[in-house]
Amino acid sequence: MSTTPITRRAALSGVAAAAMLALAACSSGNPLSQSSSSSGSGSGSAIVIGSQAYYSNEIIAEIYAQGLEKQGLKVERRFNIGQRDAYMPDVESGAISLFPEYTGNLLEFLQSSATSTSPDAVYADLKKALPKNLVALDYAKAADQDTYTVTKAFADKYGLKTIADLAKVPTKVTIGGAPEFQKRPYGPDAAKKDYGVDLAFSATGPTTLEALRAGTVQVADIYSADPAFEQGDLVTLEDPKNMILSSNVVPIVSSGVADKVSATINAISAKLSTQELVKLNVQSTVDKKQPADIAKAWLSANGLA
């Protein structure tokens, strides 16, 4: 497993704002402060929460775990499992009760022929593609997905706000990314088709961020929750046509425990934005804090403790 979101998807095989506002409006108090009448899952056993072998995913899983524990539920952690091929059989069998996933990536894993790209459409197709015994709870605004990113200096120089604006640049523009990005449905060919932008490609791989900051490439495929965004020198170009596959954080839960955990987990998702996810990732990679400490502080800061 890579330690940077830039190469995470290769290692892993591969917004409903109104709904979130409605969720927030339904409760004026702390949604995690109400004690559950049961001490475990439907059978009285622990709710087993899994995570990928990826620091960002483990932080989210730990937030879920502590949130449910505050409800009085018994939780078992099975973190750092690995790739989807390793953990999905246990998720599908119910051996793992709850797992933080990513809408677009999971949809591609379950249904490679899917063509939806926008947050709502991907979520709708994911719900249809899931096995009958699994439920997708509310997806978060937080996304960890491909982006067309430029430096702030480059954006300011040419007045860039959207991917289409790259056509304003008078010289040839090169986008850097992992080798497989060139053939992705949202790679350079798609940018030309959807936005009329003719881009060269450079297979920069794990050095993509360094290449962007050095000016070797002018655009970079950097995942939206990368800690690098906290520094403020990068700008993600808007994608109004939803060319890029949306990959929002989404809790996948066994249907047998969905009713028990949904209020707590949906309340967490309602607070989790991409900006919040970046901050959490910075605490892990830069501040070297442990997931348990990061999760505890986040729940408290968001009124969920």
Protein backbone atom coordinates (compact mmCIF):
# COMPACT_ATOMS: atom_id res chain seq x y z
CA MET A 1 0.00 0.00 0.00
CA SER A 2 1.28 3.38 -0.94
CA THR A 3 1.64 6.00 1.75
CA THR A 4 0.39 8.76 -0.52
CA PRO A 5 -3.08 9.23 -2.04
CA ILE A 6 -1.45 9.93 -5.40
CA THR A 7 -0.84 6.17 -5.91
CA ARG A 8 -3.51 4.78 -3.61
CA ARG A 9 -5.94 3.62 -6.26
CA ALA A 10 -3.39 1.62 -8.13
CA ALA A 11 -2.64 -0.21 -4.91
CA LEU A 12 -6.32 -0.80 -4.23
CA SER A 13 -7.11 -2.15 -7.76
CA GLY A 14 -8.27 0.47 -9.03
CA VAL A 15 -22.94 15.81 -3.48
CA ALA A 16 -25.94 15.12 -1.76
CA ALA A 17 -25.79 18.51 0.00
CA ALA A 18 -29.52 18.77 0.41
CA ALA A 19 -29.74 15.44 2.13
CA MET A 20 -26.96 16.41 4.51
CA LEU A 21 -28.65 19.70 5.37
CA ALA A 22 -31.85 17.81 6.04
CA LEU A 23 -30.01 15.44 8.34
CA ALA A 24 -28.51 18.32 10.27
CA ALA A 25 -31.91 19.99 10.56
CA CYS A 26 -33.52 16.89 12.02
CA SER A 27 -31.62 17.15 15.28
CA SER A 28 -30.64 20.17 17.30
CA GLY A 29 -28.68 18.11 19.79
CA ASN A 30 -25.68 15.83 19.65
CA PRO A 31 -26.71 12.83 17.50
CA LEU A 32 -24.09 10.65 19.22
CA SER A 33 -25.11 11.48 22.78
CA GLN A 34 -28.18 9.25 22.87
CA SER A 35 -27.44 5.91 24.44
CA SER A 36 -28.43 2.81 22.54
CA SER A 37 -30.76 0.36 24.22
CA SER A 38 -28.54 -2.51 23.12
CA SER A 39 -24.89 -3.18 23.81
CA GLY A 40 -24.02 -4.67 20.43
CA SER A 41 -25.23 -5.67 17.00
CA GLY A 42 -28.53 -7.42 16.32
CA SER A 43 -27.34 -10.66 17.92
CA GLY A 44 -25.58 -8.89 20.79
CA SER A 45 -22.15 -9.42 19.17
CA ALA A 46 -19.66 -6.70 18.33
CA ILE A 47 -19.95 -4.53 15.26
CA VAL A 48 -16.80 -5.33 13.30
CA ILE A 49 -15.31 -2.31 11.53
CA GLY A 50 -12.67 -2.78 8.87
CA SER A 51 -10.29 -0.46 7.05
CA GLN A 52 -7.94 -0.50 4.11
CA ALA A 53 -4.20 -0.44 4.67
CA TYR A 54 -4.26 3.30 4.03
CA TYR A 55 -3.89 5.89 6.78
CA SER A 56 -6.78 8.08 5.62
CA ASN A 57 -9.19 5.16 5.48
CA GLU A 58 -8.09 3.95 8.91
CA ILE A 59 -8.78 7.40 10.41
CA ILE A 60 -12.33 7.34 9.04
CA ALA A 61 -12.84 3.81 10.35
CA GLU A 62 -11.61 4.91 13.78
CA ILE A 63 -14.05 7.84 13.74
CA TYR A 64 -16.86 5.36 13.01
CA ALA A 65 -15.65 3.10 15.81
CA GLN A 66 -15.44 5.80 18.46
CA GLY A 67 -18.77 7.26 17.37
CA LEU A 68 -20.50 3.91 17.82
CA GLU A 69 -18.75 3.28 21.14
CA LYS A 70 -20.16 6.58 22.38
CA GLN A 71 -23.57 5.10 21.58
CA GLY A 72 -22.80 2.23 23.92
CA LEU A 73 -22.21 -0.26 21.12
CA LYS A 74 -19.53 -2.91 21.29
CA VAL A 75 -17.00 -2.49 18.48
CA GLU A 76 -14.23 -4.71 17.13
CA ARG A 77 -11.56 -3.14 14.92
CA ARG A 78 -10.07 -5.00 11.96
CA PHE A 79 -7.92 -2.33 10.35
CA ASN A 80 -5.15 -2.33 7.72
CA ILE A 81 -6.59 -5.28 5.84
CA GLY A 82 -5.27 -4.45 2.39
CA GLN A 83 -6.85 -4.34 -1.04
CA ARG A 84 -10.51 -4.87 -1.98
CA ASP A 85 -9.82 -8.42 -3.11
CA ALA A 86 -8.72 -9.13 0.46
CA TYR A 87 -11.53 -7.51 2.44
CA MET A 88 -14.63 -7.53 0.23
CA PRO A 89 -15.36 -11.25 0.76
CA ASP A 90 -15.57 -10.60 4.52
CA VAL A 91 -17.71 -7.51 3.97
CA GLU A 92 -20.06 -9.44 1.71
CA SER A 93 -20.28 -12.38 4.12
CA GLY A 94 -21.02 -10.13 7.10
CA ALA A 95 -17.81 -11.04 8.91
CA ILE A 96 -17.06 -7.32 8.69
CA SER A 97 -20.12 -5.26 9.63
CA LEU A 98 -19.03 -1.77 8.56
CA PHE A 99 -16.40 -0.44 6.17
CA PRO A 100 -15.58 3.10 4.96
CA GLU A 101 -15.50 2.94 1.17
CA TYR A 102 -15.35 5.27 -1.81
CA THR A 103 -18.35 5.42 -4.16
CA GLY A 104 -16.69 5.48 -7.57
CA ASN A 105 -13.90 3.06 -6.78
CA LEU A 106 -16.24 0.53 -5.22
CA LEU A 107 -18.70 0.83 -8.10
CA GLU A 108 -15.89 0.11 -10.57
CA PHE A 109 -14.90 -2.91 -8.48
CA LEU A 110 -18.44 -4.29 -8.43
CA GLN A 111 -19.52 -3.25 -11.91
CA SER A 112 -16.73 -2.47 -14.34
CA SER A 113 -19.21 -1.50 -17.05
CA ALA A 114 -20.71 1.39 -15.03
CA THR A 115 -20.59 4.74 -16.82
CA SER A 116 -21.95 7.16 -14.21
CA THR A 117 -19.56 9.83 -12.93
CA SER A 118 -21.48 12.46 -10.93
CA PRO A 119 -21.77 12.02 -7.13
CA ASP A 120 -25.51 11.31 -7.08
CA ALA A 121 -25.48 9.04 -10.13
CA VAL A 122 -22.50 7.02 -8.89
CA TYR A 123 -24.15 6.61 -5.48
CA ALA A 124 -27.43 5.49 -7.05
CA ASP A 125 -25.67 2.93 -9.24
CA LEU A 126 -23.58 1.72 -6.32
CA LYS A 127 -26.67 1.00 -4.24
CA LYS A 128 -28.04 -1.09 -7.10
CA ALA A 129 -24.75 -2.93 -7.58
CA LEU A 130 -24.27 -3.90 -3.93
CA PRO A 131 -25.14 -7.43 -2.83
CA LYS A 132 -28.59 -7.65 -1.23
CA ASN A 133 -27.16 -8.02 2.28
CA LEU A 134 -25.19 -4.75 2.11
CA VAL A 135 -26.40 -1.18 2.52
CA ALA A 136 -24.73 2.08 1.46
CA LEU A 137 -25.43 4.73 4.09
CA ASP A 138 -25.32 8.46 3.28
CA TYR A 139 -22.22 9.42 1.35
CA ALA A 140 -20.10 12.29 2.63
CA LYS A 141 -19.10 15.44 0.80
CA ALA A 142 -15.56 14.23 1.46
CA ALA A 143 -14.03 12.79 -1.69
CA ASP A 144 -10.69 11.14 -2.35
CA GLN A 145 -10.58 11.12 -6.13
CA ASP A 146 -8.60 12.15 -9.18
CA THR A 147 -8.27 15.86 -9.90
CA TYR A 148 -6.80 18.14 -12.52
CA THR A 149 -4.65 20.28 -10.24
CA VAL A 150 -2.36 23.23 -10.99
CA THR A 151 -0.24 25.47 -8.82
CA LYS A 152 -1.93 28.61 -7.53
CA ALA A 153 0.68 30.70 -9.34
CA PHE A 154 -0.16 29.03 -12.64
CA ALA A 155 -3.92 29.43 -12.04
CA ASP A 156 -3.50 33.11 -11.19
CA LYS A 157 -1.30 33.78 -14.21
CA TYR A 158 -3.82 32.43 -16.72
CA GLY A 159 -7.09 32.92 -14.84
CA LEU A 160 -7.79 29.20 -14.51
CA LYS A 161 -10.86 27.98 -12.65
CA THR A 162 -12.13 25.00 -14.67
CA ILE A 163 -10.51 22.29 -16.77
CA ALA A 164 -11.81 24.05 -19.87
CA ASP A 165 -9.80 27.15 -18.92
CA LEU A 166 -6.58 25.28 -19.72
CA ALA A 167 -7.30 26.20 -23.32
CA LYS A 168 -6.32 29.78 -22.37
CA VAL A 169 -2.70 28.77 -21.85
CA PRO A 170 -0.76 29.83 -24.98
CA THR A 171 1.85 27.07 -24.74
CA LYS A 172 1.54 23.29 -24.71
CA VAL A 173 0.29 22.02 -21.36
CA THR A 174 1.43 18.70 -19.91
CA ILE A 175 -0.44 16.71 -17.29
CA GLY A 176 1.44 14.32 -15.05
CA GLY A 177 0.15 11.23 -13.27
CA ALA A 178 0.49 7.51 -12.81
CA PRO A 179 1.07 5.66 -16.12
CA GLU A 180 -2.45 4.20 -16.12
CA PHE A 181 -4.02 7.67 -15.86
CA GLN A 182 -3.34 8.26 -19.57
CA LYS A 183 -5.94 5.63 -20.52
CA ARG A 184 -8.47 6.40 -17.81
CA PRO A 185 -11.96 7.49 -18.95
CA TYR A 186 -11.14 10.89 -17.47
CA GLY A 187 -7.58 11.12 -18.78
CA PRO A 188 -6.13 13.48 -21.43
CA ASP A 189 -8.30 12.08 -24.25
CA ALA A 190 -11.44 12.79 -22.22
CA ALA A 191 -10.25 16.33 -21.46
CA LYS A 192 -9.96 16.95 -25.19
CA LYS A 193 -13.36 15.44 -25.92
CA ASP A 194 -15.27 17.05 -23.05
CA TYR A 195 -13.47 20.36 -22.66
CA GLY A 196 -11.59 20.91 -25.92
CA VAL A 197 -8.23 20.92 -24.12
CA ASP A 198 -5.26 19.30 -25.86
CA LEU A 199 -2.86 18.00 -23.22
CA ALA A 200 0.43 16.17 -23.42
CA PHE A 201 0.98 13.42 -20.84
CA SER A 202 3.95 12.56 -18.63
CA ALA A 203 4.08 9.38 -16.55
CA THR A 204 5.37 10.99 -13.36
CA GLY A 205 4.03 8.33 -10.99
CA PRO A 206 4.91 8.90 -7.33
CA THR A 207 6.84 12.07 -8.22
CA THR A 208 3.77 13.80 -9.68
CA LEU A 209 3.48 16.42 -6.94
CA GLU A 210 7.18 17.23 -7.11
CA ALA A 211 6.99 17.52 -10.90
CA LEU A 212 4.07 19.94 -10.63
CA ARG A 213 5.79 22.19 -8.12
CA ALA A 214 9.01 22.10 -10.14
CA GLY A 215 7.17 23.07 -13.31
CA THR A 216 8.08 19.88 -15.16
CA VAL A 217 4.35 19.42 -15.70
CA GLN A 218 1.72 22.15 -15.52
CA VAL A 219 -1.21 19.98 -14.44
CA ALA A 220 -1.20 16.98 -12.12
CA ASP A 221 -3.52 14.13 -11.22
CA ILE A 222 -3.43 14.47 -7.44
CA TYR A 223 -6.05 12.91 -5.21
CA SER A 224 -8.38 15.44 -3.68
CA ALA A 225 -7.65 14.52 -0.05
CA ASP A 226 -3.86 14.66 -0.41
CA PRO A 227 -2.25 16.44 2.57
CA ALA A 228 -0.41 18.65 0.08
CA PHE A 229 -3.57 20.73 -0.40
CA GLU A 230 -3.24 22.05 3.14
CA GLN A 231 -0.25 24.19 2.09
CA GLY A 232 -2.46 26.43 -0.03
CA ASP A 233 -0.24 26.54 -3.12
CA LEU A 234 -2.39 24.17 -5.20
CA VAL A 235 -5.69 24.71 -7.01
CA THR A 236 -8.02 21.94 -8.16
CA LEU A 237 -9.68 22.89 -11.43
CA GLU A 238 -13.45 22.57 -11.40
CA ASP A 239 -15.04 19.78 -13.43
CA PRO A 240 -18.59 21.02 -14.19
CA LYS A 241 -19.27 18.20 -16.66
CA ASN A 242 -18.36 15.53 -14.09
CA MET A 243 -15.77 14.06 -16.43
CA ILE A 244 -13.85 12.65 -13.45
CA LEU A 245 -15.32 9.69 -11.61
CA SER A 246 -16.71 10.84 -8.27
CA SER A 247 -15.38 8.91 -5.30
CA ASN A 248 -17.02 10.12 -2.11
CA VAL A 249 -16.52 8.47 1.26
CA VAL A 250 -19.44 6.09 1.82
CA PRO A 251 -20.07 3.72 4.73
CA ILE A 252 -20.95 0.18 3.62
CA VAL A 253 -22.78 -1.77 6.30
CA SER A 254 -24.34 -5.20 6.73
CA SER A 255 -28.11 -4.92 6.41
CA GLY A 256 -28.58 -6.68 9.76
CA VAL A 257 -26.97 -3.81 11.67
CA ALA A 258 -27.84 -0.91 9.38
CA ASP A 259 -30.70 0.35 11.53
CA LYS A 260 -28.53 0.22 14.64
CA VAL A 261 -25.64 2.26 13.26
CA SER A 262 -27.14 4.49 10.56
CA ALA A 263 -28.04 7.53 12.70
CA THR A 264 -24.56 7.73 14.19
CA ILE A 265 -22.64 7.05 10.99
CA ASN A 266 -24.81 9.35 8.85
CA ALA A 267 -24.23 12.16 11.36
CA ILE A 268 -20.49 11.64 10.94
CA SER A 269 -20.76 11.65 7.14
CA ALA A 270 -22.72 14.90 7.25
CA LYS A 271 -19.74 16.61 8.90
CA LEU A 272 -17.00 15.07 6.76
CA SER A 273 -15.93 17.32 3.88
CA THR A 274 -12.93 17.00 1.59
CA GLN A 275 -11.29 19.90 3.42
CA GLU A 276 -11.83 18.09 6.73
CA LEU A 277 -10.35 14.92 5.27
CA VAL A 278 -7.27 16.81 4.12
CA LYS A 279 -6.81 18.17 7.66
CA LEU A 280 -7.16 14.69 9.14
CA ASN A 281 -4.56 13.37 6.70
CA VAL A 282 -2.16 16.18 7.59
CA GLN A 283 -2.42 15.22 11.25
CA SER A 284 -1.40 11.69 10.30
CA THR A 285 1.36 12.33 7.77
CA VAL A 286 2.82 15.61 9.02
CA ASP A 287 1.96 15.75 12.72
CA LYS A 288 2.45 11.98 13.13
CA LYS A 289 -0.59 11.60 15.36
CA GLN A 290 -2.26 8.25 15.95
CA PRO A 291 -5.67 7.53 14.34
CA ALA A 292 -7.33 7.12 17.74
CA ASP A 293 -6.19 10.58 18.86
CA ILE A 294 -7.11 12.16 15.53
CA ALA A 295 -10.58 10.61 15.63
CA LYS A 296 -11.24 11.64 19.23
CA ALA A 297 -10.30 15.26 18.57
CA TRP A 298 -12.36 15.40 15.35
CA LEU A 299 -15.49 14.05 17.02
CA SER A 300 -15.13 16.58 19.81
CA ALA A 301 -14.46 19.49 17.45
CA ASN A 302 -17.55 18.65 15.43
CA GLY A 303 -19.89 18.34 18.39
CA LEU A 304 -20.13 14.58 18.08
CA ALA A 305 -18.30 13.60 21.27
